Amino acid sequence: MAQEMSFFAKLRLLAEWSPVLGQLQVIMASEDPHDQAVAVIDALQFAAGKTSFEMDDQALAHLESILKSEEGRAFFRWLVETIKGAE
């Protein structure tokens, strides 16, 4: 049977992962798909930073750069509108 976490271990876990919770709040509060996508990337970057695998950190950094660029933002918005139009 799994050992139950102590109250302090739960608090430490909550504090450690609070940046992800903050990004989840941004995702849920925003109605703009682009802002939601950027917040998802931010949350994934935080989680990827917890691993020793460098490729995920680099891939997410590139994806974030693309999404935050003027061309990336325009492409993302075009993609969302195209998908909405196809429904």
C-alpha atoms as a PDB file:
ATOM      1  CA  MET A   1       0.000   0.000   0.000  1.00  0.00           C
ATOM      2  CA  ALA A   2       1.309   3.445  -0.897  1.00  0.00           C
ATOM      3  CA  GLN A   3       2.485   5.625   1.941  1.00  0.00           C
ATOM      4  CA  GLU A   4       0.313   8.667   2.484  1.00  0.00           C
ATOM      5  CA  MET A   5       2.006  12.053   2.145  1.00  0.00           C
ATOM      6  CA  SER A   6       2.415  14.180   5.231  1.00  0.00           C
ATOM      7  CA  PHE A   7       0.784  17.582   5.391  1.00  0.00           C
ATOM      8  CA  PHE A   8       4.184  19.269   4.996  1.00  0.00           C
ATOM      9  CA  ALA A   9       5.072  17.104   2.003  1.00  0.00           C
ATOM     10  CA  LYS A  10       1.791  18.133   0.396  1.00  0.00           C
ATOM     11  CA  LEU A  11       2.536  21.810   1.072  1.00  0.00           C
ATOM     12  CA  ARG A  12       6.030  21.424  -0.381  1.00  0.00           C
ATOM     13  CA  LEU A  13       4.600  19.757  -3.502  1.00  0.00           C
ATOM     14  CA  LEU A  14       1.993  22.505  -3.874  1.00  0.00           C
ATOM     15  CA  ALA A  15       4.650  25.221  -3.518  1.00  0.00           C
ATOM     16  CA  GLU A  16       6.947  23.454  -5.979  1.00  0.00           C
ATOM     17  CA  TRP A  17       4.264  23.195  -8.661  1.00  0.00           C
ATOM     18  CA  SER A  18       2.484  26.509  -8.000  1.00  0.00           C
ATOM     19  CA  PRO A  19       3.800  28.079 -11.240  1.00  0.00           C
ATOM     20  CA  VAL A  20       1.862  25.440 -13.190  1.00  0.00           C
ATOM     21  CA  LEU A  21      -1.268  26.235 -11.209  1.00  0.00           C
ATOM     22  CA  GLY A  22      -0.800  29.901 -12.081  1.00  0.00           C
ATOM     23  CA  GLN A  23      -0.564  29.044 -15.777  1.00  0.00           C
ATOM     24  CA  LEU A  24      -3.698  26.897 -15.512  1.00  0.00           C
ATOM     25  CA  GLN A  25      -5.514  29.937 -14.132  1.00  0.00           C
ATOM     26  CA  VAL A  26      -4.351  31.987 -17.135  1.00  0.00           C
ATOM     27  CA  ILE A  27      -5.511  29.258 -19.517  1.00  0.00           C
ATOM     28  CA  MET A  28      -8.935  29.049 -17.913  1.00  0.00           C
ATOM     29  CA  ALA A  29      -9.386  32.816 -17.585  1.00  0.00           C
ATOM     30  CA  SER A  30      -8.417  33.685 -21.151  1.00  0.00           C
ATOM     31  CA  GLU A  31     -10.840  33.468 -24.020  1.00  0.00           C
ATOM     32  CA  ASP A  32      -8.086  34.108 -26.571  1.00  0.00           C
ATOM     33  CA  PRO A  33      -6.756  30.815 -27.998  1.00  0.00           C
ATOM     34  CA  HIS A  34      -3.329  32.345 -28.649  1.00  0.00           C
ATOM     35  CA  ASP A  35      -2.942  33.481 -25.036  1.00  0.00           C
ATOM     36  CA  GLN A  36      -4.058  30.015 -23.918  1.00  0.00           C
ATOM     37  CA  ALA A  37      -1.479  28.363 -26.190  1.00  0.00           C
ATOM     38  CA  VAL A  38       1.319  30.562 -24.825  1.00  0.00           C
ATOM     39  CA  ALA A  39       0.253  29.742 -21.251  1.00  0.00           C
ATOM     40  CA  VAL A  40       0.255  26.018 -22.081  1.00  0.00           C
ATOM     41  CA  ILE A  41       3.793  26.358 -23.447  1.00  0.00           C
ATOM     42  CA  ASP A  42       4.856  28.189 -20.262  1.00  0.00           C
ATOM     43  CA  ALA A  43       3.417  25.404 -18.094  1.00  0.00           C
ATOM     44  CA  LEU A  44       5.086  22.742 -20.234  1.00  0.00           C
ATOM     45  CA  GLN A  45       8.401  24.588 -20.003  1.00  0.00           C
ATOM     46  CA  PHE A  46       8.168  24.556 -16.223  1.00  0.00           C
ATOM     47  CA  ALA A  47       7.454  20.816 -16.202  1.00  0.00           C
ATOM     48  CA  ALA A  48      10.180  20.138 -18.765  1.00  0.00           C
ATOM     49  CA  GLY A  49      12.620  22.025 -16.562  1.00  0.00           C
ATOM     50  CA  LYS A  50      12.070  19.373 -13.903  1.00  0.00           C
ATOM     51  CA  THR A  51      13.623  16.712 -16.171  1.00  0.00           C
ATOM     52  CA  SER A  52      17.223  16.157 -17.194  1.00  0.00           C
ATOM     53  CA  PHE A  53      16.246  15.827 -20.871  1.00  0.00           C
ATOM     54  CA  GLU A  54      17.432  18.939 -22.740  1.00  0.00           C
ATOM     55  CA  MET A  55      15.598  18.375 -26.016  1.00  0.00           C
ATOM     56  CA  ASP A  56      12.171  19.100 -24.535  1.00  0.00           C
ATOM     57  CA  ASP A  57      13.433  22.378 -23.053  1.00  0.00           C
ATOM     58  CA  GLN A  58      14.898  23.433 -26.390  1.00  0.00           C
ATOM     59  CA  ALA A  59      11.860  22.392 -28.442  1.00  0.00           C
ATOM     60  CA  LEU A  60       9.490  24.279 -26.148  1.00  0.00           C
ATOM     61  CA  ALA A  61      11.716  27.376 -26.214  1.00  0.00           C
ATOM     62  CA  HIS A  62      11.623  27.342 -30.016  1.00  0.00           C
ATOM     63  CA  LEU A  63       7.870  26.814 -30.062  1.00  0.00           C
ATOM     64  CA  GLU A  64       7.391  29.684 -27.627  1.00  0.00           C
ATOM     65  CA  SER A  65       9.546  31.962 -29.794  1.00  0.00           C
ATOM     66  CA  ILE A  66       7.508  31.066 -32.855  1.00  0.00           C
ATOM     67  CA  LEU A  67       4.160  31.594 -31.115  1.00  0.00           C
ATOM     68  CA  LYS A  68       5.235  34.948 -29.680  1.00  0.00           C
ATOM     69  CA  SER A  69       6.551  36.278 -32.991  1.00  0.00           C
ATOM     70  CA  GLU A  70       4.279  38.410 -35.153  1.00  0.00           C
ATOM     71  CA  GLU A  71       4.263  35.771 -37.900  1.00  0.00           C
ATOM     72  CA  GLY A  72       3.657  32.937 -35.441  1.00  0.00           C
ATOM     73  CA  ARG A  73       0.777  34.787 -33.819  1.00  0.00           C
ATOM     74  CA  ALA A  74      -0.785  35.471 -37.234  1.00  0.00           C
ATOM     75  CA  PHE A  75      -0.331  31.854 -38.315  1.00  0.00           C
ATOM     76  CA  PHE A  76      -1.854  30.564 -35.075  1.00  0.00           C
ATOM     77  CA  ARG A  77      -4.863  32.876 -35.372  1.00  0.00           C
ATOM     78  CA  TRP A  78      -5.332  31.871 -39.030  1.00  0.00           C
ATOM     79  CA  LEU A  79      -5.165  28.197 -38.047  1.00  0.00           C
ATOM     80  CA  VAL A  80      -7.760  28.615 -35.280  1.00  0.00           C
ATOM     81  CA  GLU A  81     -10.124  30.548 -37.563  1.00  0.00           C
ATOM     82  CA  THR A  82      -9.695  27.975 -40.344  1.00  0.00           C
ATOM     83  CA  ILE A  83     -10.537  25.132 -37.976  1.00  0.00           C
ATOM     84  CA  LYS A  84     -13.533  27.039 -36.567  1.00  0.00           C
ATOM     85  CA  GLY A  85     -14.755  27.689 -40.111  1.00  0.00           C
ATOM     86  CA  ALA A  86     -14.572  24.008 -40.976  1.00  0.00           C
ATOM     87  CA  GLU A  87     -16.911  23.007 -38.135  1.00  0.00           C
END
